[in-house]
Amino acid sequence: EKMGKDLKGNELGSGYRQRKDGFYEYRYTNTYGKRISVIGKTMQQCRGKVRFELKKDLERKPISKSSLKIEDVFEKWYRVYSQSKVKACTRRVYKGTYEKYIKPLYGKMKVKNCTYLQCTEMYVNFKQSVKPSALEKILALMSSMFEMLELDGVVTKNFFKTFDYPKRSKSK
């Protein structure tokens, strides 16, 4: 690990450096694989900010991108995220939708395998095998689950937002 130096050539410690403008910077990769840069006017200020960032990172208790399965995502979505986003009756409908359609086919699937192509395949499979009303619920649920993952930095994009909802046939 290379030691960073200040402008006078003094060692600052691993990950730290002093920029040409005199500010101190610390760079690291967080638990989600995202590069983070912390900047402070003084070395003390920079170290304080770094402690804060690292503490915040630890508190997030990430379920690593690799081990996270769709069933884990639903569980967390249902227990936490949906509480503030969805009415109780809708949550019950979504739970039924998850248990009936998503869990049997994709519950054990890892989130890291949810590429655009894989999500498209899931969408096409459902489109061909379920009623439009069920497809609508499946899409809404998956989209909400992946929105939660996106906000948490676990996935970079919510592919379920890109799919078309089924056309409702107007009943007269």
Protein backbone atom coordinates (compact mmCIF):
# COMPACT_ATOMS: atom_id res chain seq x y z
CA GLU A 1 0.00 0.00 0.00
CA LYS A 2 1.50 3.29 -1.14
CA MET A 3 1.81 6.07 1.43
CA GLY A 4 0.38 9.44 0.45
CA LYS A 5 2.48 12.58 0.82
CA ASP A 6 1.75 16.24 1.38
CA LEU A 7 3.17 19.01 -0.83
CA LYS A 8 6.37 19.14 1.27
CA GLY A 9 6.95 15.43 0.75
CA ASN A 10 5.93 14.32 4.26
CA GLU A 11 4.17 10.97 4.69
CA LEU A 12 0.43 11.31 5.37
CA GLY A 13 -0.61 7.69 5.63
CA SER A 14 -2.16 5.23 3.26
CA GLY A 15 -4.95 6.60 1.06
CA TYR A 16 -4.28 10.25 1.94
CA ARG A 17 -2.72 12.92 -0.23
CA GLN A 18 -2.48 16.67 -0.40
CA ARG A 19 -3.74 18.16 -3.64
CA LYS A 20 -2.06 20.98 -5.53
CA ASP A 21 -4.69 23.41 -4.18
CA GLY A 22 -3.61 22.57 -0.61
CA PHE A 23 -6.70 20.52 0.28
CA TYR A 24 -6.26 17.05 1.76
CA GLU A 25 -7.96 14.09 0.13
CA TYR A 26 -8.63 10.48 1.11
CA ARG A 27 -9.85 7.99 -1.47
CA TYR A 28 -11.20 4.52 -0.91
CA THR A 29 -13.61 1.95 -2.34
CA ASN A 30 -16.73 1.42 -0.23
CA THR A 31 -18.45 -1.90 0.48
CA TYR A 32 -20.49 -1.57 -2.73
CA GLY A 33 -17.38 -1.20 -4.88
CA LYS A 34 -17.97 2.53 -5.35
CA ARG A 35 -14.96 4.89 -5.24
CA ILE A 36 -15.33 7.53 -2.53
CA SER A 37 -13.28 10.70 -2.25
CA VAL A 38 -13.26 12.70 1.00
CA ILE A 39 -11.79 16.22 1.00
CA GLY A 40 -10.87 18.52 3.87
CA LYS A 41 -9.15 21.88 4.28
CA THR A 42 -6.90 20.48 7.00
CA MET A 43 -5.64 16.96 7.68
CA GLN A 44 -7.75 16.90 10.89
CA GLN A 45 -10.90 17.86 9.00
CA CYS A 46 -10.21 15.24 6.35
CA ARG A 47 -9.61 12.50 8.96
CA GLY A 48 -12.85 13.44 10.74
CA LYS A 49 -14.85 13.23 7.53
CA VAL A 50 -13.21 9.89 6.71
CA ARG A 51 -14.21 8.47 10.12
CA PHE A 52 -17.77 9.65 9.50
CA GLU A 53 -17.91 8.11 5.99
CA LEU A 54 -16.43 4.78 7.12
CA LYS A 55 -18.84 4.62 10.07
CA LYS A 56 -21.76 5.32 7.70
CA ASP A 57 -20.46 2.59 5.40
CA LEU A 58 -20.33 0.06 8.25
CA GLU A 59 -23.83 0.89 9.47
CA ARG A 60 -25.30 0.01 6.10
CA LYS A 61 -24.45 -3.65 6.71
CA PRO A 62 -24.47 -4.40 3.01
CA ILE A 63 -25.65 -7.75 1.82
CA SER A 64 -22.92 -8.13 -0.73
CA LYS A 65 -24.03 -7.96 -4.32
CA SER A 66 -22.92 -11.54 -4.74
CA SER A 67 -24.90 -13.31 -2.00
CA LEU A 68 -28.12 -11.29 -2.21
CA LYS A 69 -31.04 -13.32 -3.61
CA ILE A 70 -34.41 -12.10 -4.86
CA GLU A 71 -36.05 -13.70 -1.80
CA ASP A 72 -33.77 -11.65 0.50
CA VAL A 73 -34.67 -8.53 -1.45
CA PHE A 74 -38.40 -9.20 -1.13
CA GLU A 75 -38.07 -9.91 2.58
CA LYS A 76 -36.27 -6.60 3.16
CA TRP A 77 -38.63 -4.77 0.81
CA TYR A 78 -41.69 -6.14 2.61
CA ARG A 79 -40.33 -5.65 6.14
CA VAL A 80 -38.84 -2.18 5.69
CA TYR A 81 -39.15 -0.33 2.38
CA SER A 82 -42.80 -0.99 1.58
CA GLN A 83 -43.93 0.22 5.03
CA SER A 84 -43.43 3.82 3.99
CA LYS A 85 -44.31 3.44 0.30
CA VAL A 86 -47.31 1.13 0.02
CA LYS A 87 -50.73 0.84 1.70
CA ALA A 88 -51.29 -2.26 3.84
CA CYS A 89 -53.86 -3.81 1.46
CA THR A 90 -51.51 -3.29 -1.49
CA ARG A 91 -48.67 -4.87 0.49
CA ARG A 92 -50.85 -7.95 1.01
CA VAL A 93 -51.60 -8.12 -2.72
CA TYR A 94 -47.86 -7.83 -3.49
CA LYS A 95 -47.01 -10.52 -0.95
CA GLY A 96 -49.47 -12.87 -2.69
CA THR A 97 -48.06 -11.90 -6.09
CA TYR A 98 -44.53 -12.60 -4.86
CA GLU A 99 -45.43 -15.97 -3.29
CA LYS A 100 -47.43 -17.16 -6.30
CA TYR A 101 -45.40 -15.94 -9.28
CA ILE A 102 -41.94 -14.65 -8.42
CA LYS A 103 -40.69 -16.85 -5.57
CA PRO A 104 -41.19 -20.25 -7.28
CA LEU A 105 -39.29 -19.17 -10.40
CA TYR A 106 -36.80 -16.55 -9.25
CA GLY A 107 -36.66 -16.57 -5.43
CA LYS A 108 -33.23 -18.25 -5.31
CA MET A 109 -31.78 -16.12 -8.11
CA LYS A 110 -28.88 -13.87 -7.18
CA VAL A 111 -29.27 -10.15 -7.76
CA LYS A 112 -25.84 -10.02 -9.40
CA ASN A 113 -27.29 -12.21 -12.17
CA CYS A 114 -30.11 -9.75 -12.84
CA THR A 115 -28.60 -8.26 -15.96
CA TYR A 116 -30.73 -6.35 -18.45
CA LEU A 117 -30.99 -9.49 -20.55
CA GLN A 118 -32.02 -11.65 -17.57
CA CYS A 119 -34.65 -9.12 -16.43
CA THR A 120 -35.99 -8.95 -20.00
CA GLU A 121 -36.23 -12.75 -20.04
CA MET A 122 -38.15 -12.69 -16.74
CA TYR A 123 -40.51 -10.07 -18.18
CA VAL A 124 -41.09 -12.05 -21.41
CA ASN A 125 -41.68 -15.28 -19.44
CA PHE A 126 -44.29 -13.60 -17.27
CA LYS A 127 -45.85 -11.81 -20.25
CA GLN A 128 -46.41 -15.16 -21.95
CA SER A 129 -47.59 -17.06 -18.89
CA VAL A 130 -49.75 -14.77 -16.73
CA LYS A 131 -52.81 -12.56 -17.17
CA PRO A 132 -52.15 -8.86 -17.87
CA SER A 133 -53.49 -7.94 -14.41
CA ALA A 134 -50.95 -10.27 -12.76
CA LEU A 135 -48.15 -9.03 -15.01
CA GLU A 136 -48.93 -5.49 -13.92
CA LYS A 137 -48.56 -6.43 -10.23
CA ILE A 138 -45.36 -8.43 -10.89
CA LEU A 139 -43.80 -5.49 -12.74
CA ALA A 140 -44.85 -2.98 -10.10
CA LEU A 141 -43.44 -5.15 -7.31
CA MET A 142 -40.14 -6.00 -9.04
CA SER A 143 -39.72 -2.36 -9.99
CA SER A 144 -40.27 -1.24 -6.40
CA MET A 145 -37.87 -3.90 -5.06
CA PHE A 146 -35.18 -2.85 -7.52
CA GLU A 147 -35.82 0.82 -6.79
CA MET A 148 -34.96 0.02 -3.17
CA LEU A 149 -31.76 -1.76 -4.30
CA GLU A 150 -30.86 1.16 -6.57
CA LEU A 151 -31.32 3.70 -3.77
CA ASP A 152 -29.17 1.51 -1.52
CA GLY A 153 -26.43 1.32 -4.13
CA VAL A 154 -26.69 -2.45 -4.56
CA VAL A 155 -27.65 -2.22 -8.22
CA THR A 156 -26.77 0.56 -10.63
CA LYS A 157 -29.98 0.47 -12.64
CA ASN A 158 -33.59 -0.62 -12.18
CA PHE A 159 -34.29 -2.48 -15.43
CA PHE A 160 -37.88 -3.20 -14.43
CA LYS A 161 -38.67 0.49 -14.94
CA THR A 162 -37.94 0.07 -18.66
CA PHE A 163 -40.65 -2.50 -19.45
CA ASP A 164 -44.08 -1.65 -20.79
CA TYR A 165 -47.07 -2.39 -18.64
CA PRO A 166 -49.72 -4.52 -20.33
CA LYS A 167 -52.42 -2.63 -22.22
CA ARG A 168 -55.66 -2.78 -20.28
CA SER A 169 -58.61 -3.82 -22.40
CA LYS A 170 -61.39 -1.31 -21.82
CA SER A 171 -64.52 -3.11 -20.65
CA LYS A 172 -67.72 -1.46 -21.76
